[in-house]
Amino acid sequence: MRDLTARVNYLYDRAMITDTIHRFFMALDEKAWGDIPELLADEFLLSAATVIGQAPRRQPVDEFIEGLIARNGGFAGTTHLNPGHIIDIEGDKAHVKAHMYCPHWVDDTDAGMYLAYGRYYIDLVREGEKWLLTDLIIHIDGARGDAKAVYTAAAERVTP
């Protein structure tokens, strides 16, 4: 019976990890900024130099959210697809690999869209009954559109 309990616990953890990741990206797409902090550990690492133009560093959640809104708040829309989670769990830590397909747009023109595809590498930690994101590394394999122009246009649309 113990083996069955361990298997069920593993499946439960996988479901909770995937749910946390999907909630994060859905909140991002819906601009539900207030929903994001409860999904993150106290400090968060975003590594996406090709998009944010700075070296990765751990940030307190409020600082990360402020930067997130400045980068993403002005988009007319985004869709952060991340299917096919491959999850490795070791104790209270988890590592996830997932495909990434992510259009960002400021208007309905081809020039107003930036589309990136590649992989997400995501780390989480268990705190009590919850899994929280600690690291998000974005590996871009390819893209369409002018990232700098689209992100600049989005930043200009952010309202304080």
Protein backbone atom coordinates (compact mmCIF):
# COMPACT_ATOMS: atom_id res chain seq x y z
CA MET A 1 0.00 0.00 0.00
CA ARG A 2 2.88 2.35 0.78
CA ASP A 3 4.05 2.21 -2.84
CA LEU A 4 0.55 3.21 -3.98
CA THR A 5 0.51 6.14 -1.54
CA ALA A 6 3.88 7.36 -2.85
CA ARG A 7 2.60 7.13 -6.42
CA VAL A 8 -0.57 9.04 -5.62
CA ASN A 9 1.45 11.71 -3.78
CA TYR A 10 3.75 12.03 -6.81
CA LEU A 11 0.77 12.47 -9.15
CA TYR A 12 -0.76 15.03 -6.78
CA ASP A 13 2.51 16.99 -6.70
CA ARG A 14 2.72 16.92 -10.51
CA ALA A 15 -0.83 18.24 -10.76
CA MET A 16 -0.13 21.02 -8.26
CA ILE A 17 3.11 22.00 -10.03
CA THR A 18 1.42 22.16 -13.43
CA ASP A 19 -1.50 24.09 -11.95
CA THR A 20 0.86 26.67 -10.41
CA ILE A 21 2.64 27.18 -13.74
CA HIS A 22 -0.60 27.50 -15.72
CA ARG A 23 -2.02 29.95 -13.15
CA PHE A 24 1.12 32.09 -13.46
CA PHE A 25 0.97 32.32 -17.25
CA MET A 26 -2.82 32.76 -17.32
CA ALA A 27 -2.53 35.65 -14.84
CA LEU A 28 0.14 37.14 -17.08
CA ASP A 29 -2.09 36.87 -20.17
CA GLU A 30 -5.12 38.26 -18.31
CA LYS A 31 -3.01 41.01 -16.69
CA ALA A 32 -4.23 39.78 -13.32
CA TRP A 33 -1.10 41.14 -11.63
CA GLY A 34 -2.53 40.69 -8.13
CA ASP A 35 -2.84 36.93 -8.65
CA ILE A 36 0.86 36.45 -9.38
CA PRO A 37 2.61 37.09 -6.02
CA GLU A 38 0.92 34.13 -4.31
CA LEU A 39 2.45 31.86 -6.97
CA LEU A 40 6.03 33.02 -6.39
CA ALA A 41 8.64 32.39 -3.72
CA ASP A 42 9.85 35.45 -1.79
CA GLU A 43 12.54 36.04 -4.39
CA PHE A 44 12.21 35.22 -8.07
CA LEU A 45 14.73 34.81 -10.88
CA LEU A 46 13.75 35.64 -14.45
CA SER A 47 16.34 34.82 -17.09
CA ALA A 48 15.21 36.23 -20.42
CA ALA A 49 18.03 38.49 -21.55
CA THR A 50 16.87 38.46 -25.17
CA VAL A 51 13.57 39.98 -24.05
CA ILE A 52 14.33 42.08 -20.98
CA GLY A 53 17.88 43.09 -21.93
CA GLN A 54 19.51 42.60 -18.54
CA ALA A 55 21.44 39.89 -16.74
CA PRO A 56 19.33 37.57 -14.60
CA ARG A 57 19.19 38.28 -10.88
CA ARG A 58 17.02 37.29 -7.97
CA GLN A 59 14.45 39.95 -7.14
CA PRO A 60 11.97 40.44 -4.34
CA VAL A 61 8.48 39.67 -5.62
CA ASP A 62 7.26 43.28 -5.54
CA GLU A 63 10.25 44.42 -7.62
CA PHE A 64 9.69 41.57 -10.09
CA ILE A 65 5.98 42.45 -10.44
CA GLU A 66 6.81 46.12 -11.02
CA GLY A 67 9.16 45.15 -13.87
CA LEU A 68 6.67 42.63 -15.22
CA ILE A 69 3.94 45.27 -15.49
CA ALA A 70 6.37 47.72 -17.11
CA ARG A 71 7.32 45.08 -19.72
CA ASN A 72 3.97 43.38 -20.31
CA GLY A 73 1.28 45.78 -19.14
CA GLY A 74 1.08 47.67 -22.44
CA PHE A 75 0.51 44.71 -24.72
CA ALA A 76 -2.93 44.49 -26.29
CA GLY A 77 -2.56 40.76 -25.68
CA THR A 78 -0.24 37.86 -24.98
CA THR A 79 -0.64 34.10 -25.02
CA HIS A 80 1.98 32.13 -23.08
CA LEU A 81 1.47 28.53 -24.19
CA ASN A 82 3.50 25.93 -22.28
CA PRO A 83 2.38 22.38 -23.06
CA GLY A 84 4.05 19.10 -22.35
CA HIS A 85 5.50 19.60 -18.88
CA ILE A 86 8.36 17.25 -18.05
CA ILE A 87 8.59 17.34 -14.26
CA ASP A 88 11.38 16.11 -12.00
CA ILE A 89 10.67 16.22 -8.27
CA GLU A 90 13.31 15.80 -5.57
CA GLY A 91 11.92 16.31 -2.10
CA ASP A 92 10.59 19.86 -1.84
CA LYS A 93 12.09 21.03 -5.14
CA ALA A 94 10.89 20.56 -8.68
CA HIS A 95 12.32 21.29 -12.12
CA VAL A 96 10.06 21.59 -15.14
CA LYS A 97 10.85 21.68 -18.85
CA ALA A 98 8.10 22.78 -21.22
CA HIS A 99 7.73 23.99 -24.77
CA MET A 100 7.09 27.70 -25.17
CA TYR A 101 5.08 29.42 -27.88
CA CYS A 102 4.38 33.01 -27.07
CA PRO A 103 2.90 35.78 -29.23
CA HIS A 104 2.88 39.34 -27.86
CA TRP A 105 1.03 42.04 -29.77
CA VAL A 106 0.33 45.74 -29.47
CA ASP A 107 -2.07 45.96 -32.42
CA ASP A 108 -3.54 43.84 -35.23
CA THR A 109 -0.72 44.44 -37.70
CA ASP A 110 2.15 42.10 -38.50
CA ALA A 111 4.56 44.86 -37.42
CA GLY A 112 2.79 45.02 -34.05
CA MET A 113 3.42 41.37 -33.17
CA TYR A 114 6.42 39.57 -31.74
CA LEU A 115 6.24 35.77 -31.60
CA ALA A 116 8.84 33.67 -29.80
CA TYR A 117 9.11 29.92 -29.47
CA GLY A 118 11.43 27.64 -27.57
CA ARG A 119 11.49 26.22 -24.06
CA TYR A 120 10.80 27.22 -20.50
CA TYR A 121 12.95 25.88 -17.66
CA ILE A 122 11.06 26.43 -14.42
CA ASP A 123 12.08 25.69 -10.84
CA LEU A 124 9.65 25.49 -7.94
CA VAL A 125 9.84 24.89 -4.23
CA ARG A 126 7.23 23.36 -1.95
CA GLU A 127 6.11 25.56 0.93
CA GLY A 128 3.51 23.82 3.05
CA GLU A 129 0.83 22.52 0.68
CA LYS A 130 1.76 24.89 -2.16
CA TRP A 131 4.34 24.83 -4.92
CA LEU A 132 5.89 28.25 -5.64
CA LEU A 133 7.92 29.36 -8.65
CA THR A 134 11.53 30.35 -7.89
CA ASP A 135 13.13 30.50 -11.35
CA LEU A 136 11.92 31.01 -14.92
CA ILE A 137 14.52 30.62 -17.63
CA ILE A 138 13.32 31.36 -21.15
CA HIS A 139 15.29 29.75 -23.97
CA ILE A 140 14.23 31.17 -27.32
CA ASP A 141 14.90 28.91 -30.30
CA GLY A 142 13.36 31.26 -32.85
CA ALA A 143 11.20 34.31 -33.26
CA ARG A 144 9.22 36.36 -35.73
CA GLY A 145 8.86 40.11 -35.58
CA ASP A 146 10.92 42.90 -34.10
CA ALA A 147 11.08 42.28 -30.34
CA LYS A 148 12.65 45.65 -29.55
CA ALA A 149 10.06 47.62 -31.54
CA VAL A 150 7.09 45.69 -30.16
CA TYR A 151 8.29 45.81 -26.53
CA THR A 152 9.04 49.54 -26.90
CA ALA A 153 5.54 50.16 -28.27
CA ALA A 154 4.05 48.13 -25.41
CA ALA A 155 6.07 50.08 -22.82
CA GLU A 156 4.72 53.34 -24.25
CA ARG A 157 1.16 52.06 -23.73
CA VAL A 158 1.57 51.27 -20.01
CA THR A 159 -0.59 53.54 -17.90
CA PRO A 160 0.64 54.31 -14.38
